[in-house]
Amino acid sequence: MAFGATHLSLALSLMALIVLAKADFNEKVEPINNIMEQNSEMLTQEFCILGAVGSVVAEAIRRERRMGASLIRLFFHDCFVDGCDAGILLNDIPGRFQGEKSSPPNDNSVRGYEVIDQAKQRIKTTCPGAAVSCADILALAARDSVAMLGGIPYPVRLGRRDARTANFTGALTQLPAPFDDLNVQLTKFRAKGMSAREMVALAGAHTVGFARCVTMCDDRNINPARKSTLNCGCPVSNNNTNLVPLDLTTPQFFDKFYFEDLIKNRGLLFSDQVLMGSSATADVVRTYNSNPVLFLREFNAAMTKMGDLPPSRGAQLEIRDVCSRVNGNSIADM
């Protein structure tokens, strides 16, 4: 599949979301095979891929709504380190390879790997012969999560490839951190070709999701105005114990209330609240708060732009058969 979007692929992308939107999350999502049988003339291999990923994401969000926020974050943490290459999915090999998954910004923090693995397997089962990268699955899972949590669906271009390596140090240096001041954040986003406005739009992903206890217990990470409201009792498991919502009002819905919190000095993270420290970003926060539809549109545009970040120059690329390891038996070239 070519990386450029075609009218057909955009239409199929939206059709897949429409099909999934009709499914009641309290009921079992209709098997993709049934959908294919009912629409055999119009369905293509690409639509099969879109439906397979979407059904897995829908099932995961039905089990745990927070997973949608985690899948959006997983996509961001992949693309922001050396481009959208699924490097974050590679498992470490003790003594031979240390990847992004175990880097401090991701270790015991980023979630959703099993959902990507399930989507890869669903594609193999329901779409025989389909060649789709793990990087593409990450992009589709993030988009589907946005839509299923209440955002606006947007088309995702396919055709990415998976890297045969990852960047442990890059995850430390390239990803925005909760203790980053505004200038540091702007510098990191500019390095990815993103403007201040696009940075604020992407920060709006914090309208869903939670911060972990270990983040809250570090004074560097927290808006001082919120510190007295927090009950810090570490350690924390992957369950919801000791988690605090990033959006105080509607943490499970993709909407504009994150920006309202910032205006009221109620942003949880230091890196969020500093967006109000400069007119260049504070004006955008106020605009998105007063015009939530504009926020949703510009968030989608920024996600699309981020999803086009290419792998590092010279990176060896493939379509992985298993998302957590490279193809073949050797990683001598990693």
Protein backbone atom coordinates (compact mmCIF):
# COMPACT_ATOMS: atom_id res chain seq x y z
CA MET A 1 0.00 0.00 0.00
CA ALA A 2 1.38 3.38 -0.95
CA PHE A 3 2.03 5.87 1.83
CA GLY A 4 0.09 8.59 0.03
CA ALA A 5 -3.60 8.73 0.87
CA THR A 6 -6.06 7.91 -1.90
CA HIS A 7 -9.71 8.87 -2.00
CA LEU A 8 -10.57 5.18 -1.70
CA SER A 9 -8.42 4.59 1.37
CA LEU A 10 -9.81 7.67 3.11
CA ALA A 11 -13.36 6.57 2.39
CA LEU A 12 -12.69 3.05 3.62
CA SER A 13 -11.06 4.39 6.76
CA LEU A 14 -14.17 6.35 7.66
CA MET A 15 -16.49 3.48 6.66
CA ALA A 16 -14.72 1.17 9.08
CA LEU A 17 -15.29 3.61 11.91
CA ILE A 18 -18.96 3.96 10.98
CA VAL A 19 -19.39 0.19 11.13
CA LEU A 20 -17.70 0.06 14.53
CA ALA A 21 -19.64 3.05 15.82
CA LYS A 22 -22.85 1.10 15.28
CA ALA A 23 -21.64 -1.62 17.61
CA ASP A 24 -22.91 -1.42 21.18
CA PHE A 25 -19.82 -1.60 23.39
CA ASN A 26 -21.91 -3.55 25.89
CA GLU A 27 -22.42 -6.23 23.28
CA LYS A 28 -19.93 -8.31 21.35
CA VAL A 29 -18.55 -6.45 18.33
CA GLU A 30 -19.81 -8.05 15.13
CA PRO A 31 -17.11 -10.36 13.73
CA ILE A 32 -15.29 -8.87 10.78
CA ASN A 33 -15.99 -12.00 8.72
CA ASN A 34 -19.75 -11.27 8.92
CA ILE A 35 -19.18 -7.70 7.80
CA MET A 36 -17.08 -8.92 4.87
CA GLU A 37 -19.74 -11.39 3.75
CA GLN A 38 -22.44 -8.72 3.77
CA ASN A 39 -20.37 -6.24 1.75
CA SER A 40 -18.15 -8.46 -0.39
CA GLU A 41 -18.15 -6.21 -3.45
CA MET A 42 -17.03 -3.03 -1.70
CA LEU A 43 -14.67 -4.40 0.91
CA THR A 44 -10.98 -4.45 0.12
CA GLN A 45 -8.04 -5.85 1.98
CA GLU A 46 -7.43 -2.41 3.44
CA PHE A 47 -10.96 -2.24 4.81
CA CYS A 48 -10.45 -5.67 6.33
CA ILE A 49 -7.36 -4.36 8.14
CA LEU A 50 -9.23 -1.28 9.37
CA GLY A 51 -12.09 -3.40 10.67
CA ALA A 52 -9.81 -5.95 12.32
CA VAL A 53 -7.85 -3.30 14.24
CA GLY A 54 -11.00 -1.38 15.11
CA SER A 55 -12.76 -4.43 16.53
CA VAL A 56 -9.79 -5.24 18.79
CA VAL A 57 -9.58 -1.65 20.01
CA ALA A 58 -13.34 -1.56 20.65
CA GLU A 59 -13.12 -4.74 22.72
CA ALA A 60 -10.16 -3.38 24.71
CA ILE A 61 -11.92 -0.08 25.48
CA ARG A 62 -15.08 -1.92 26.45
CA ARG A 63 -13.05 -3.90 29.00
CA GLU A 64 -11.19 -0.83 30.29
CA ARG A 65 -11.98 2.62 28.97
CA ARG A 66 -8.62 3.95 30.13
CA MET A 67 -6.97 1.73 27.51
CA GLY A 68 -8.03 4.19 24.80
CA ALA A 69 -5.90 6.91 26.39
CA SER A 70 -3.02 4.44 26.73
CA LEU A 71 -3.13 3.55 23.02
CA ILE A 72 -3.03 7.22 22.04
CA ARG A 73 0.00 7.68 24.29
CA LEU A 74 1.66 4.54 22.92
CA PHE A 75 1.41 5.95 19.38
CA PHE A 76 2.81 9.32 20.51
CA HIS A 77 5.74 7.70 22.32
CA ASP A 78 6.55 5.66 19.24
CA CYS A 79 6.41 8.44 16.66
CA PHE A 80 8.26 11.02 18.74
CA VAL A 81 11.36 8.83 18.92
CA ASP A 82 12.94 8.49 15.48
CA GLY A 83 9.60 8.56 13.66
CA CYS A 84 6.66 6.17 13.41
CA ASP A 85 8.59 2.91 13.14
CA ALA A 86 7.12 0.70 15.91
CA GLY A 87 10.49 0.80 17.66
CA ILE A 88 8.75 1.09 21.02
CA LEU A 89 7.23 -2.38 20.57
CA LEU A 90 10.53 -4.30 20.43
CA ASN A 91 11.33 -6.39 23.49
CA ASP A 92 14.75 -6.18 25.10
CA ILE A 93 17.12 -9.12 24.61
CA PRO A 94 19.26 -9.36 27.78
CA GLY A 95 22.91 -8.77 27.04
CA ARG A 96 22.27 -8.07 23.35
CA PHE A 97 19.66 -5.37 22.82
CA GLN A 98 18.05 -2.68 24.95
CA GLY A 99 15.16 -0.88 23.31
CA GLU A 100 12.71 1.93 23.96
CA LYS A 101 10.23 -0.19 25.89
CA SER A 102 12.55 -0.32 28.93
CA SER A 103 13.69 3.31 28.71
CA PRO A 104 12.61 5.30 31.83
CA PRO A 105 9.87 7.35 30.10
CA ASN A 106 8.23 4.09 28.96
CA ASP A 107 9.19 1.44 31.52
CA ASN A 108 6.20 0.42 33.68
CA SER A 109 4.39 3.45 32.26
CA VAL A 110 3.40 2.96 28.62
CA ARG A 111 0.61 0.42 28.19
CA GLY A 112 -1.34 -1.31 25.44
CA TYR A 113 1.28 -3.56 23.90
CA GLU A 114 -1.00 -6.57 24.19
CA VAL A 115 -3.74 -4.76 22.25
CA ILE A 116 -1.36 -4.18 19.34
CA ASP A 117 -0.34 -7.84 19.45
CA GLN A 118 -4.01 -8.88 19.41
CA ALA A 119 -4.71 -6.60 16.46
CA LYS A 120 -1.79 -8.09 14.54
CA GLN A 121 -3.14 -11.58 15.18
CA ARG A 122 -6.69 -10.55 14.25
CA ILE A 123 -5.41 -9.29 10.90
CA LYS A 124 -3.61 -12.58 10.26
CA THR A 125 -6.77 -14.52 11.09
CA THR A 126 -9.35 -12.45 9.23
CA CYS A 127 -7.35 -10.85 6.40
CA PRO A 128 -5.21 -13.62 4.87
CA GLY A 129 -2.25 -12.30 2.93
CA ALA A 130 -2.58 -8.74 4.25
CA ALA A 131 0.76 -7.02 4.72
CA VAL A 132 0.42 -4.35 7.37
CA SER A 133 3.17 -3.03 9.60
CA CYS A 134 3.03 -2.77 13.36
CA ALA A 135 3.62 0.98 12.91
CA ASP A 136 0.41 1.18 10.88
CA ILE A 137 -1.46 -0.77 13.55
CA LEU A 138 -0.28 1.74 16.17
CA ALA A 139 -1.58 4.63 14.05
CA LEU A 140 -4.95 2.94 13.48
CA ALA A 141 -5.33 2.00 17.15
CA ALA A 142 -4.69 5.60 18.24
CA ARG A 143 -7.18 6.97 15.72
CA ASP A 144 -9.83 4.44 16.72
CA SER A 145 -9.28 5.29 20.38
CA VAL A 146 -9.79 9.00 19.74
CA ALA A 147 -13.04 8.28 17.90
CA MET A 148 -14.35 5.78 20.45
CA LEU A 149 -13.65 8.12 23.37
CA GLY A 150 -15.70 10.89 21.77
CA GLY A 151 -13.35 12.63 19.36
CA ILE A 152 -13.83 13.07 15.62
CA PRO A 153 -12.75 10.19 13.33
CA TYR A 154 -9.96 11.00 10.91
CA PRO A 155 -8.37 9.05 8.04
CA VAL A 156 -5.07 7.26 8.58
CA ARG A 157 -2.69 6.71 5.69
CA LEU A 158 -1.11 3.26 5.57
CA GLY A 159 2.25 2.15 4.24
CA ARG A 160 4.63 2.62 7.17
CA ARG A 161 7.41 0.12 7.82
CA ASP A 162 8.84 -1.25 11.07
CA ALA A 163 12.40 -0.56 12.16
CA ARG A 164 14.77 -3.39 12.99
CA THR A 165 16.10 -1.47 15.96
CA ALA A 166 15.03 1.00 18.64
CA ASN A 167 16.58 3.92 20.52
CA PHE A 168 16.79 3.60 24.31
CA THR A 169 18.60 6.94 24.69
CA GLY A 170 16.31 8.66 22.18
CA ALA A 171 13.32 7.92 24.38
CA LEU A 172 15.08 9.77 27.19
CA THR A 173 16.08 12.79 25.14
CA GLN A 174 13.35 13.22 22.52
CA LEU A 175 10.12 12.62 24.45
CA PRO A 176 8.55 15.55 26.32
CA ALA A 177 8.71 15.02 30.09
CA PRO A 178 6.23 16.11 32.78
CA PHE A 179 8.92 18.36 34.30
CA ASP A 180 9.82 20.11 31.03
CA ASP A 181 9.34 23.86 31.01
CA LEU A 182 7.72 25.60 28.06
CA ASN A 183 10.95 26.37 26.17
CA VAL A 184 12.14 22.78 26.42
CA GLN A 185 8.81 21.50 25.15
CA LEU A 186 8.80 23.95 22.24
CA THR A 187 12.33 22.89 21.32
CA LYS A 188 11.41 19.21 21.33
CA PHE A 189 8.33 19.79 19.19
CA ARG A 190 10.18 22.06 16.75
CA ALA A 191 12.71 19.25 16.29
CA LYS A 192 9.80 17.19 14.94
CA GLY A 193 8.58 19.99 12.67
CA MET A 194 5.66 20.85 14.96
CA SER A 195 4.54 24.39 15.74
CA ALA A 196 3.55 25.78 19.15
CA ARG A 197 -0.10 25.55 18.15
CA GLU A 198 0.29 21.90 17.11
CA MET A 199 2.05 21.23 20.42
CA VAL A 200 -0.92 22.61 22.35
CA ALA A 201 -3.32 20.61 20.19
CA LEU A 202 -1.44 17.37 20.89
CA ALA A 203 -1.25 18.22 24.60
CA GLY A 204 -5.04 18.10 24.43
CA ALA A 205 -4.74 14.30 24.43
CA HIS A 206 -4.49 14.77 28.20
CA THR A 207 -8.23 15.30 28.17
CA VAL A 208 -8.28 11.52 28.64
CA GLY A 209 -6.10 9.37 30.84
CA PHE A 210 -4.44 9.38 34.23
CA ALA A 211 -1.10 10.09 35.88
CA ARG A 212 0.56 7.39 37.93
CA CYS A 213 1.52 7.65 41.56
CA VAL A 214 5.24 7.71 40.80
CA THR A 215 4.69 10.79 38.64
CA MET A 216 2.66 12.55 41.31
CA CYS A 217 5.22 11.78 44.03
CA ASP A 218 7.93 13.74 42.22
CA ASP A 219 7.51 17.45 42.99
CA ARG A 220 9.19 18.37 39.70
CA ASN A 221 6.29 16.91 37.74
CA ILE A 222 3.32 18.51 39.46
CA ASN A 223 1.58 21.85 39.22
CA PRO A 224 2.20 23.32 42.72
CA ALA A 225 -1.42 24.50 42.90
CA ARG A 226 -2.58 20.86 42.73
CA LYS A 227 -0.10 19.35 45.17
CA SER A 228 -2.30 19.69 48.24
CA THR A 229 -5.12 17.79 46.51
CA LEU A 230 -3.04 14.68 45.83
CA ASN A 231 -2.85 11.54 47.93
CA CYS A 232 0.56 10.08 47.17
CA GLY A 233 0.88 6.46 48.22
CA CYS A 234 3.37 4.58 46.08
CA PRO A 235 4.00 2.08 44.63
CA VAL A 236 1.22 1.75 42.10
CA SER A 237 0.19 -1.23 40.00
CA ASN A 238 -1.23 -1.20 36.49
CA ASN A 239 -4.69 -1.12 38.02
CA ASN A 240 -6.41 2.18 38.72
CA THR A 241 -5.07 2.35 42.29
CA ASN A 242 -3.58 5.75 43.12
CA LEU A 243 -4.16 7.14 39.65
CA VAL A 244 -5.20 10.78 39.23
CA PRO A 245 -7.09 12.02 36.14
CA LEU A 246 -5.34 14.52 33.89
CA ASP A 247 -8.76 16.07 33.18
CA LEU A 248 -10.65 16.68 36.42
CA THR A 249 -14.08 16.96 34.80
CA THR A 250 -14.42 14.23 32.15
CA PRO A 251 -11.26 12.06 32.22
CA GLN A 252 -12.82 9.30 30.10
CA PHE A 253 -14.14 11.48 27.28
CA PHE A 254 -12.26 13.25 24.52
CA ASP A 255 -13.40 16.85 24.91
CA LYS A 256 -12.21 20.38 25.79
CA PHE A 257 -12.23 20.31 29.61
CA TYR A 258 -8.47 19.77 29.86
CA PHE A 259 -8.08 23.30 28.52
CA GLU A 260 -10.65 24.64 30.95
CA ASP A 261 -8.60 23.13 33.79
CA LEU A 262 -5.47 24.93 32.56
CA ILE A 263 -7.29 28.28 32.46
CA LYS A 264 -8.38 27.68 36.08
CA ASN A 265 -4.79 26.74 37.09
CA ARG A 266 -5.93 23.17 37.75
CA GLY A 267 -3.69 21.37 35.28
CA LEU A 268 -2.16 18.34 36.98
CA LEU A 269 1.28 18.20 35.39
CA PHE A 270 3.84 20.99 35.48
CA SER A 271 4.36 20.57 31.74
CA ASP A 272 0.64 21.10 31.15
CA GLN A 273 0.14 24.14 33.34
CA VAL A 274 3.16 25.99 31.87
CA LEU A 275 1.20 26.23 28.61
CA MET A 276 -0.49 29.20 30.29
CA GLY A 277 2.88 30.89 30.87
CA SER A 278 3.20 32.47 27.42
CA SER A 279 0.69 34.24 25.25
CA ALA A 280 1.82 32.14 22.28
CA THR A 281 0.41 29.01 23.90
CA ALA A 282 -2.10 30.45 26.41
CA ASP A 283 -4.06 32.09 23.60
CA VAL A 284 -4.37 28.71 21.88
CA VAL A 285 -5.55 27.11 25.13
CA ARG A 286 -8.28 29.75 25.44
CA THR A 287 -9.25 29.34 21.80
CA TYR A 288 -9.63 25.57 22.13
CA ASN A 289 -11.63 25.98 25.34
CA SER A 290 -14.07 28.34 23.66
CA ASN A 291 -14.19 26.42 20.38
CA PRO A 292 -13.98 22.67 21.11
CA VAL A 293 -14.80 21.65 17.53
CA LEU A 294 -11.78 23.61 16.32
CA PHE A 295 -9.67 21.78 18.90
CA LEU A 296 -10.87 18.39 17.68
CA ARG A 297 -10.15 19.29 14.05
CA GLU A 298 -6.69 20.68 14.78
CA PHE A 299 -5.85 17.77 17.07
CA ASN A 300 -6.66 15.40 14.22
CA ALA A 301 -4.48 17.40 11.83
CA ALA A 302 -1.58 17.34 14.30
CA MET A 303 -1.99 13.59 14.84
CA THR A 304 -1.94 13.06 11.08
CA LYS A 305 1.21 15.17 10.76
CA MET A 306 2.89 13.32 13.61
CA GLY A 307 1.87 10.02 12.04
CA ASP A 308 3.85 11.00 8.95
CA LEU A 309 7.14 11.42 10.86
CA PRO A 310 9.56 9.16 8.95
CA PRO A 311 11.99 6.65 10.46
CA SER A 312 15.59 7.74 10.90
CA ARG A 313 17.61 8.07 7.72
CA GLY A 314 19.26 4.79 6.86
CA ALA A 315 17.13 2.70 9.22
CA GLN A 316 16.61 -0.91 8.16
CA LEU A 317 12.89 -1.43 7.71
CA GLU A 318 10.53 -4.38 7.33
CA ILE A 319 6.99 -5.47 8.10
CA ARG A 320 7.34 -7.47 11.31
CA ASP A 321 5.53 -10.75 11.60
CA VAL A 322 5.49 -10.36 15.39
CA CYS A 323 5.45 -6.80 16.68
CA SER A 324 7.75 -7.42 19.65
CA ARG A 325 10.67 -8.81 17.66
CA VAL A 326 12.36 -8.39 14.32
CA ASN A 327 11.90 -10.96 11.56
CA GLY A 328 14.39 -13.80 11.24
CA ASN A 329 16.61 -15.43 13.83
CA SER A 330 19.40 -12.88 14.12
CA ILE A 331 19.61 -9.35 15.44
CA ALA A 332 23.34 -9.02 14.85
CA ASP A 333 22.71 -5.89 12.79
CA MET A 334 20.70 -4.14 15.54
